[in-house]
N, C-alpha and C. Protein backbone atom coordinates (compact mmCIF):
# COMPACT_ATOMS: atom_id res chain seq x y z
N ILE A 1 24.78 -88.35 6.58
CA ILE A 1 23.82 -88.06 7.62
C ILE A 1 22.43 -88.10 7.00
N ILE A 2 21.54 -88.87 7.61
CA ILE A 2 20.13 -88.88 7.23
C ILE A 2 19.37 -88.30 8.42
N THR A 3 18.63 -87.23 8.18
CA THR A 3 18.00 -86.52 9.28
C THR A 3 16.68 -85.89 8.85
N ALA A 4 15.90 -85.49 9.84
CA ALA A 4 14.66 -84.76 9.56
C ALA A 4 14.89 -83.26 9.66
N ARG A 5 16.08 -82.85 10.07
CA ARG A 5 16.39 -81.43 10.26
C ARG A 5 16.70 -80.79 8.91
N GLU A 6 15.90 -79.81 8.53
CA GLU A 6 15.98 -79.20 7.21
C GLU A 6 16.76 -77.89 7.17
N GLU A 7 17.17 -77.38 8.29
CA GLU A 7 17.84 -76.07 8.33
C GLU A 7 19.20 -76.12 7.64
N GLU A 8 19.50 -75.08 6.89
CA GLU A 8 20.77 -74.99 6.19
C GLU A 8 21.95 -75.05 7.17
N THR A 9 21.81 -74.42 8.32
CA THR A 9 22.90 -74.42 9.30
C THR A 9 23.21 -75.83 9.79
N ASP A 10 22.19 -76.68 9.93
CA ASP A 10 22.41 -78.07 10.34
C ASP A 10 23.19 -78.82 9.27
N ALA A 11 22.82 -78.62 8.01
CA ALA A 11 23.52 -79.28 6.90
C ALA A 11 24.97 -78.82 6.84
N VAL A 12 25.18 -77.52 6.92
CA VAL A 12 26.54 -76.97 6.86
C VAL A 12 27.38 -77.52 8.01
N LEU A 13 26.84 -77.53 9.21
CA LEU A 13 27.56 -78.04 10.37
C LEU A 13 27.91 -79.52 10.20
N GLY A 14 26.95 -80.31 9.75
CA GLY A 14 27.20 -81.74 9.54
C GLY A 14 28.31 -81.98 8.53
N LEU A 15 28.28 -81.25 7.42
CA LEU A 15 29.30 -81.41 6.39
C LEU A 15 30.66 -80.93 6.88
N GLU A 16 30.68 -79.82 7.62
CA GLU A 16 31.95 -79.30 8.14
C GLU A 16 32.55 -80.21 9.21
N LEU A 17 31.71 -80.97 9.88
CA LEU A 17 32.20 -81.91 10.89
C LEU A 17 32.66 -83.23 10.29
N GLY A 18 32.57 -83.35 8.95
CA GLY A 18 33.13 -84.53 8.30
C GLY A 18 32.17 -85.44 7.57
N ALA A 19 30.90 -85.14 7.56
CA ALA A 19 29.95 -85.99 6.83
C ALA A 19 30.22 -85.89 5.33
N ASP A 20 30.05 -86.99 4.63
CA ASP A 20 30.21 -86.99 3.18
C ASP A 20 28.98 -86.44 2.48
N ASP A 21 27.83 -86.56 3.12
CA ASP A 21 26.59 -86.09 2.52
C ASP A 21 25.59 -85.80 3.62
N TYR A 22 24.54 -85.09 3.27
CA TYR A 22 23.49 -84.71 4.22
C TYR A 22 22.17 -84.88 3.51
N VAL A 23 21.36 -85.84 3.93
CA VAL A 23 20.10 -86.16 3.28
C VAL A 23 18.96 -85.93 4.27
N VAL A 24 17.97 -85.16 3.83
CA VAL A 24 16.82 -84.85 4.68
C VAL A 24 15.68 -85.82 4.38
N LYS A 25 15.05 -86.34 5.44
CA LYS A 25 13.89 -87.21 5.28
C LYS A 25 12.68 -86.37 4.92
N PRO A 26 11.75 -86.85 4.15
CA PRO A 26 11.78 -88.15 3.47
C PRO A 26 12.72 -88.09 2.27
N PHE A 27 13.33 -89.20 1.96
CA PHE A 27 14.26 -89.26 0.84
C PHE A 27 13.80 -90.33 -0.14
N ARG A 28 14.31 -90.24 -1.36
CA ARG A 28 14.00 -91.22 -2.41
C ARG A 28 15.07 -92.31 -2.36
N MET A 29 14.65 -93.56 -2.29
CA MET A 29 15.57 -94.67 -2.11
C MET A 29 16.58 -94.79 -3.24
N ARG A 30 16.14 -94.60 -4.49
CA ARG A 30 17.08 -94.70 -5.62
C ARG A 30 18.15 -93.62 -5.54
N GLU A 31 17.73 -92.43 -5.16
CA GLU A 31 18.69 -91.33 -5.02
C GLU A 31 19.68 -91.63 -3.90
N LEU A 32 19.19 -92.14 -2.78
CA LEU A 32 20.08 -92.47 -1.66
C LEU A 32 21.08 -93.55 -2.08
N ALA A 33 20.61 -94.57 -2.79
CA ALA A 33 21.50 -95.63 -3.25
C ALA A 33 22.57 -95.06 -4.19
N SER A 34 22.19 -94.14 -5.07
CA SER A 34 23.16 -93.51 -5.98
C SER A 34 24.17 -92.68 -5.20
N ARG A 35 23.73 -91.98 -4.18
CA ARG A 35 24.65 -91.18 -3.35
C ARG A 35 25.66 -92.09 -2.64
N VAL A 36 25.20 -93.22 -2.12
CA VAL A 36 26.09 -94.16 -1.44
C VAL A 36 27.11 -94.71 -2.44
N ARG A 37 26.65 -95.10 -3.64
CA ARG A 37 27.58 -95.61 -4.65
C ARG A 37 28.60 -94.54 -5.04
N ALA A 38 28.18 -93.29 -5.13
CA ALA A 38 29.10 -92.20 -5.49
C ALA A 38 30.20 -92.05 -4.43
N VAL A 39 29.83 -92.12 -3.16
CA VAL A 39 30.82 -92.02 -2.09
C VAL A 39 31.78 -93.21 -2.16
N LEU A 40 31.24 -94.40 -2.39
CA LEU A 40 32.09 -95.58 -2.49
C LEU A 40 33.04 -95.48 -3.67
N ARG A 41 32.56 -94.95 -4.80
CA ARG A 41 33.44 -94.78 -5.97
C ARG A 41 34.55 -93.79 -5.67
N ARG A 42 34.22 -92.68 -5.02
CA ARG A 42 35.25 -91.69 -4.68
C ARG A 42 36.31 -92.32 -3.80
N PHE A 43 35.88 -93.11 -2.82
CA PHE A 43 36.83 -93.78 -1.94
C PHE A 43 37.67 -94.77 -2.73
N GLU A 44 37.01 -95.56 -3.56
CA GLU A 44 37.71 -96.55 -4.36
C GLU A 44 38.71 -95.89 -5.31
N ASN A 45 38.29 -94.82 -5.96
CA ASN A 45 39.16 -94.13 -6.91
C ASN A 45 40.34 -93.46 -6.22
N SER A 46 40.16 -92.98 -5.01
CA SER A 46 41.27 -92.33 -4.31
C SER A 46 42.25 -93.37 -3.78
N ALA A 47 41.80 -94.60 -3.61
CA ALA A 47 42.65 -95.63 -3.04
C ALA A 47 43.48 -96.37 -4.09
N ARG A 48 43.18 -96.20 -5.35
CA ARG A 48 43.93 -96.92 -6.37
C ARG A 48 44.54 -95.95 -7.37
N PRO A 49 45.70 -96.30 -7.88
CA PRO A 49 46.29 -95.44 -8.90
C PRO A 49 45.49 -95.53 -10.19
N GLY A 50 45.66 -94.56 -11.06
CA GLY A 50 44.96 -94.59 -12.34
C GLY A 50 45.31 -95.84 -13.13
N ARG A 51 44.34 -96.32 -13.85
CA ARG A 51 44.54 -97.53 -14.64
C ARG A 51 44.77 -97.17 -16.10
N ALA A 52 45.30 -98.11 -16.82
CA ALA A 52 45.48 -97.96 -18.26
C ALA A 52 44.91 -99.20 -18.93
N PHE A 53 44.23 -99.00 -20.05
CA PHE A 53 43.62 -100.10 -20.79
C PHE A 53 44.04 -100.00 -22.24
N LYS A 54 44.23 -101.17 -22.86
CA LYS A 54 44.55 -101.20 -24.28
C LYS A 54 43.78 -102.34 -24.90
N GLU A 55 43.12 -102.05 -25.98
CA GLU A 55 42.39 -103.07 -26.74
C GLU A 55 42.49 -102.71 -28.20
N GLY A 56 43.15 -103.55 -28.97
CA GLY A 56 43.33 -103.26 -30.39
C GLY A 56 44.06 -101.94 -30.58
N GLU A 57 43.47 -101.05 -31.35
CA GLU A 57 44.08 -99.74 -31.64
C GLU A 57 43.61 -98.66 -30.68
N LEU A 58 42.97 -99.05 -29.59
CA LEU A 58 42.39 -98.12 -28.63
C LEU A 58 43.13 -98.22 -27.30
N GLU A 59 43.60 -97.06 -26.78
CA GLU A 59 44.29 -97.01 -25.50
C GLU A 59 43.68 -95.92 -24.63
N LEU A 60 43.47 -96.24 -23.36
CA LEU A 60 42.95 -95.26 -22.40
C LEU A 60 43.87 -95.25 -21.19
N ASP A 61 44.29 -94.06 -20.78
CA ASP A 61 45.16 -93.90 -19.62
C ASP A 61 44.49 -92.94 -18.64
N GLU A 62 44.10 -93.46 -17.48
CA GLU A 62 43.42 -92.63 -16.48
C GLU A 62 44.35 -91.59 -15.86
N ASN A 63 45.66 -91.91 -15.71
CA ASN A 63 46.59 -90.96 -15.11
C ASN A 63 46.71 -89.69 -15.94
N SER A 64 46.83 -89.85 -17.25
CA SER A 64 46.98 -88.67 -18.12
C SER A 64 45.63 -88.22 -18.68
N HIS A 65 44.58 -88.96 -18.34
CA HIS A 65 43.23 -88.66 -18.82
C HIS A 65 43.23 -88.52 -20.35
N SER A 66 43.83 -89.53 -20.99
CA SER A 66 43.95 -89.47 -22.45
C SER A 66 43.47 -90.76 -23.09
N VAL A 67 43.01 -90.61 -24.33
CA VAL A 67 42.59 -91.75 -25.14
C VAL A 67 43.28 -91.61 -26.49
N THR A 68 43.87 -92.71 -26.94
CA THR A 68 44.54 -92.73 -28.23
C THR A 68 43.86 -93.77 -29.11
N VAL A 69 43.56 -93.38 -30.34
CA VAL A 69 42.92 -94.27 -31.30
C VAL A 69 43.78 -94.28 -32.56
N ARG A 70 44.24 -95.47 -32.93
CA ARG A 70 45.10 -95.62 -34.11
C ARG A 70 46.28 -94.64 -34.07
N GLY A 71 46.86 -94.46 -32.88
CA GLY A 71 48.03 -93.60 -32.71
C GLY A 71 47.73 -92.12 -32.58
N GLU A 72 46.48 -91.72 -32.72
CA GLU A 72 46.09 -90.31 -32.63
C GLU A 72 45.31 -90.08 -31.34
N GLU A 73 45.58 -88.96 -30.67
CA GLU A 73 44.83 -88.64 -29.46
C GLU A 73 43.40 -88.25 -29.83
N ALA A 74 42.44 -88.84 -29.12
CA ALA A 74 41.03 -88.53 -29.34
C ALA A 74 40.60 -87.48 -28.32
N ALA A 75 39.90 -86.46 -28.78
CA ALA A 75 39.42 -85.39 -27.89
C ALA A 75 38.05 -85.78 -27.36
N LEU A 76 38.03 -86.37 -26.17
CA LEU A 76 36.78 -86.81 -25.56
C LEU A 76 36.35 -85.81 -24.49
N THR A 77 35.05 -85.67 -24.33
CA THR A 77 34.53 -84.89 -23.21
C THR A 77 34.75 -85.70 -21.93
N PRO A 78 34.70 -85.06 -20.77
CA PRO A 78 34.83 -85.83 -19.52
C PRO A 78 33.79 -86.96 -19.42
N MET A 79 32.57 -86.71 -19.87
CA MET A 79 31.53 -87.74 -19.82
C MET A 79 31.90 -88.92 -20.71
N GLU A 80 32.36 -88.63 -21.93
CA GLU A 80 32.75 -89.70 -22.85
C GLU A 80 33.93 -90.49 -22.28
N PHE A 81 34.90 -89.78 -21.70
CA PHE A 81 36.06 -90.45 -21.11
C PHE A 81 35.62 -91.39 -19.99
N ASN A 82 34.78 -90.90 -19.08
CA ASN A 82 34.32 -91.72 -17.96
C ASN A 82 33.49 -92.91 -18.42
N LEU A 83 32.67 -92.70 -19.43
CA LEU A 83 31.88 -93.79 -20.00
C LEU A 83 32.78 -94.87 -20.57
N LEU A 84 33.77 -94.45 -21.37
CA LEU A 84 34.70 -95.42 -21.97
C LEU A 84 35.51 -96.13 -20.89
N ALA A 85 35.98 -95.41 -19.88
CA ALA A 85 36.76 -96.03 -18.80
C ALA A 85 35.92 -97.06 -18.05
N THR A 86 34.66 -96.74 -17.80
CA THR A 86 33.77 -97.68 -17.12
C THR A 86 33.61 -98.96 -17.93
N LEU A 87 33.38 -98.82 -19.22
CA LEU A 87 33.19 -99.99 -20.08
C LEU A 87 34.48 -100.79 -20.23
N MET A 88 35.61 -100.10 -20.44
CA MET A 88 36.88 -100.80 -20.65
C MET A 88 37.38 -101.50 -19.38
N ALA A 89 36.97 -101.01 -18.22
CA ALA A 89 37.42 -101.61 -16.96
C ALA A 89 36.88 -103.03 -16.78
N GLU A 90 35.75 -103.32 -17.43
CA GLU A 90 35.16 -104.65 -17.32
C GLU A 90 34.72 -105.13 -18.70
N PRO A 91 35.69 -105.45 -19.57
CA PRO A 91 35.34 -105.87 -20.92
C PRO A 91 34.48 -107.12 -20.92
N GLY A 92 33.49 -107.12 -21.78
CA GLY A 92 32.59 -108.26 -21.88
C GLY A 92 31.38 -108.16 -20.97
N ARG A 93 31.47 -107.35 -19.93
CA ARG A 93 30.33 -107.20 -19.01
C ARG A 93 29.26 -106.33 -19.66
N VAL A 94 28.02 -106.78 -19.56
CA VAL A 94 26.90 -105.98 -20.06
C VAL A 94 26.44 -105.05 -18.95
N PHE A 95 26.48 -103.75 -19.23
CA PHE A 95 25.99 -102.74 -18.31
C PHE A 95 24.61 -102.30 -18.78
N THR A 96 23.64 -102.27 -17.88
CA THR A 96 22.34 -101.71 -18.25
C THR A 96 22.51 -100.20 -18.38
N ARG A 97 21.58 -99.58 -19.08
CA ARG A 97 21.63 -98.12 -19.19
C ARG A 97 21.56 -97.48 -17.80
N GLN A 98 20.70 -98.03 -16.94
CA GLN A 98 20.56 -97.46 -15.60
C GLN A 98 21.85 -97.59 -14.80
N GLN A 99 22.55 -98.71 -14.92
CA GLN A 99 23.82 -98.87 -14.22
C GLN A 99 24.82 -97.81 -14.68
N LEU A 100 24.88 -97.58 -15.98
CA LEU A 100 25.81 -96.57 -16.50
C LEU A 100 25.42 -95.17 -16.05
N VAL A 101 24.12 -94.87 -16.08
CA VAL A 101 23.66 -93.55 -15.61
C VAL A 101 24.05 -93.38 -14.14
N ASP A 102 23.83 -94.41 -13.32
CA ASP A 102 24.17 -94.33 -11.90
C ASP A 102 25.68 -94.17 -11.71
N ASP A 103 26.47 -94.94 -12.47
CA ASP A 103 27.93 -94.85 -12.36
C ASP A 103 28.45 -93.47 -12.75
N LEU A 104 27.82 -92.87 -13.75
CA LEU A 104 28.28 -91.58 -14.25
C LEU A 104 27.69 -90.41 -13.48
N ALA A 105 26.74 -90.68 -12.59
CA ALA A 105 26.04 -89.60 -11.89
C ALA A 105 26.98 -88.71 -11.08
N ASP A 106 28.00 -89.30 -10.44
CA ASP A 106 28.88 -88.45 -9.64
C ASP A 106 29.84 -87.66 -10.52
N GLY A 107 29.84 -87.94 -11.82
CA GLY A 107 30.64 -87.14 -12.75
C GLY A 107 29.84 -85.99 -13.33
N GLY A 108 28.67 -85.75 -12.80
CA GLY A 108 27.86 -84.62 -13.24
C GLY A 108 26.79 -84.99 -14.25
N PHE A 109 26.60 -86.27 -14.51
CA PHE A 109 25.60 -86.69 -15.49
C PHE A 109 24.26 -86.80 -14.80
N ALA A 110 23.32 -85.98 -15.22
CA ALA A 110 22.00 -85.99 -14.61
C ALA A 110 20.94 -86.33 -15.64
N GLY A 111 21.35 -86.98 -16.71
CA GLY A 111 20.43 -87.26 -17.81
C GLY A 111 19.60 -88.50 -17.61
N LEU A 112 18.70 -88.71 -18.52
CA LEU A 112 17.87 -89.90 -18.53
C LEU A 112 18.63 -91.03 -19.19
N GLU A 113 18.10 -92.25 -19.00
CA GLU A 113 18.75 -93.41 -19.60
C GLU A 113 18.92 -93.25 -21.11
N ARG A 114 17.91 -92.73 -21.78
CA ARG A 114 17.99 -92.59 -23.24
C ARG A 114 18.98 -91.51 -23.67
N THR A 115 19.26 -90.55 -22.80
CA THR A 115 20.26 -89.54 -23.10
C THR A 115 21.63 -90.20 -23.24
N LEU A 116 21.81 -91.30 -22.53
CA LEU A 116 23.06 -92.05 -22.61
C LEU A 116 23.34 -92.49 -24.04
N ASN A 117 22.29 -92.81 -24.79
CA ASN A 117 22.46 -93.23 -26.18
C ASN A 117 23.21 -92.18 -26.99
N VAL A 118 22.92 -90.91 -26.73
CA VAL A 118 23.58 -89.82 -27.45
C VAL A 118 25.06 -89.79 -27.11
N HIS A 119 25.39 -89.95 -25.83
CA HIS A 119 26.80 -89.97 -25.42
C HIS A 119 27.53 -91.15 -26.06
N VAL A 120 26.88 -92.31 -26.12
CA VAL A 120 27.49 -93.48 -26.74
C VAL A 120 27.72 -93.22 -28.22
N ARG A 121 26.74 -92.64 -28.89
CA ARG A 121 26.88 -92.34 -30.32
C ARG A 121 28.05 -91.37 -30.56
N ASN A 122 28.14 -90.32 -29.75
CA ASN A 122 29.25 -89.37 -29.89
C ASN A 122 30.60 -90.04 -29.63
N LEU A 123 30.64 -90.91 -28.63
CA LEU A 123 31.87 -91.63 -28.32
C LEU A 123 32.26 -92.55 -29.47
N ARG A 124 31.30 -93.27 -30.01
CA ARG A 124 31.58 -94.15 -31.15
C ARG A 124 32.13 -93.37 -32.34
N THR A 125 31.58 -92.19 -32.57
CA THR A 125 32.04 -91.35 -33.68
C THR A 125 33.52 -91.02 -33.52
N LYS A 126 33.97 -90.87 -32.28
CA LYS A 126 35.35 -90.47 -32.01
C LYS A 126 36.33 -91.63 -31.95
N ILE A 127 35.86 -92.85 -31.61
CA ILE A 127 36.82 -93.95 -31.43
C ILE A 127 36.68 -95.09 -32.44
N GLU A 128 35.55 -95.16 -33.11
CA GLU A 128 35.32 -96.28 -34.03
C GLU A 128 35.69 -95.88 -35.45
N ALA A 129 36.28 -96.81 -36.20
CA ALA A 129 36.56 -96.56 -37.61
C ALA A 129 35.25 -96.39 -38.37
N ASN A 130 34.24 -97.19 -38.01
CA ASN A 130 32.91 -97.09 -38.61
C ASN A 130 31.88 -97.10 -37.48
N PRO A 131 31.41 -95.92 -37.06
CA PRO A 131 30.47 -95.86 -35.94
C PRO A 131 29.17 -96.63 -36.16
N ASP A 132 28.79 -96.85 -37.42
CA ASP A 132 27.57 -97.60 -37.71
C ASP A 132 27.76 -99.11 -37.57
N ASP A 133 29.01 -99.55 -37.54
CA ASP A 133 29.34 -100.95 -37.32
C ASP A 133 30.43 -101.00 -36.26
N PRO A 134 30.06 -100.71 -35.00
CA PRO A 134 31.07 -100.53 -33.95
C PRO A 134 31.85 -101.80 -33.63
N ARG A 135 33.13 -101.60 -33.42
CA ARG A 135 34.04 -102.68 -33.10
C ARG A 135 34.24 -102.81 -31.59
N TYR A 136 34.17 -101.69 -30.88
CA TYR A 136 34.48 -101.68 -29.45
C TYR A 136 33.24 -101.63 -28.55
N ILE A 137 32.37 -100.67 -28.78
CA ILE A 137 31.20 -100.51 -27.91
C ILE A 137 30.00 -101.15 -28.58
N GLU A 138 29.56 -102.25 -28.01
CA GLU A 138 28.47 -103.04 -28.58
C GLU A 138 27.16 -102.74 -27.85
N THR A 139 26.11 -102.56 -28.62
CA THR A 139 24.77 -102.41 -28.05
C THR A 139 24.21 -103.80 -27.78
N VAL A 140 23.72 -104.01 -26.58
CA VAL A 140 23.01 -105.24 -26.24
C VAL A 140 21.54 -104.83 -26.20
N PHE A 141 20.83 -105.13 -27.27
CA PHE A 141 19.48 -104.62 -27.47
C PHE A 141 18.56 -104.94 -26.30
N GLY A 142 17.84 -103.92 -25.86
CA GLY A 142 16.91 -104.06 -24.76
C GLY A 142 17.56 -104.07 -23.39
N VAL A 143 18.90 -104.01 -23.34
CA VAL A 143 19.60 -104.08 -22.06
C VAL A 143 20.50 -102.86 -21.86
N GLY A 144 21.52 -102.74 -22.70
CA GLY A 144 22.49 -101.65 -22.52
C GLY A 144 23.67 -101.79 -23.44
N TYR A 145 24.88 -101.74 -22.86
CA TYR A 145 26.10 -101.73 -23.65
C TYR A 145 27.17 -102.59 -23.00
N ARG A 146 28.14 -103.02 -23.84
CA ARG A 146 29.32 -103.70 -23.33
C ARG A 146 30.51 -103.33 -24.20
N PHE A 147 31.70 -103.42 -23.59
CA PHE A 147 32.93 -103.21 -24.33
C PHE A 147 33.35 -104.57 -24.86
N ARG A 148 33.49 -104.65 -26.16
CA ARG A 148 33.78 -105.92 -26.81
C ARG A 148 35.29 -106.15 -26.89
N ILE A 149 35.72 -107.32 -26.48
CA ILE A 149 37.12 -107.71 -26.58
C ILE A 149 37.37 -108.18 -28.00
N GLN A 150 38.44 -107.66 -28.60
CA GLN A 150 38.80 -108.06 -29.96
C GLN A 150 39.50 -109.41 -29.92
N SER A 151 39.19 -110.27 -30.88
CA SER A 151 39.85 -111.58 -30.89
C SER A 151 40.73 -111.73 -32.09
C-alpha cells in the first residue's frame, strides 16, 4: 500500500487486511524498489525448495542451512550464509556491491556498500584455504564480486 495516510491505525489495518507493506508518501524510490524486490524474493523463496550447491571442496545446502568446506562444517553467520548462497546461485555473474546490499537487505542487512567488504573478508576467512588469494569469491575491482567456477 502506498498512501498519504500516516496514522498508525491505518498502517495496522492495511497490514492486517493482507498488505505486504505500507509505505507513506513521500517515499524514496530506491527504498521502494528494495521493498518490492524483498517481497518478490520472499515469494520466490517460498515457492521453491531449498537449493544445494557444490563447487570444488565447498558445499552449501539451503535446506539444512549448512556449509561444508573440505569436509568440515563452516560456522557462518546468517549474513555470510546468505551472501555465499546469493553468489553460488549464479556462478560467474558479477554482482555490484549495491546489488548485493539490496539482495541482503531483507535479511536484516542495513549497511553501506563498503560494509559489505567486511562481510566478504570474514566469509573468505572461513571458506578459503588462503583468504589473501581467494579461490571462490573473486573481487571484480571497481564493480563488486563474483563466485568463481573452478576449472
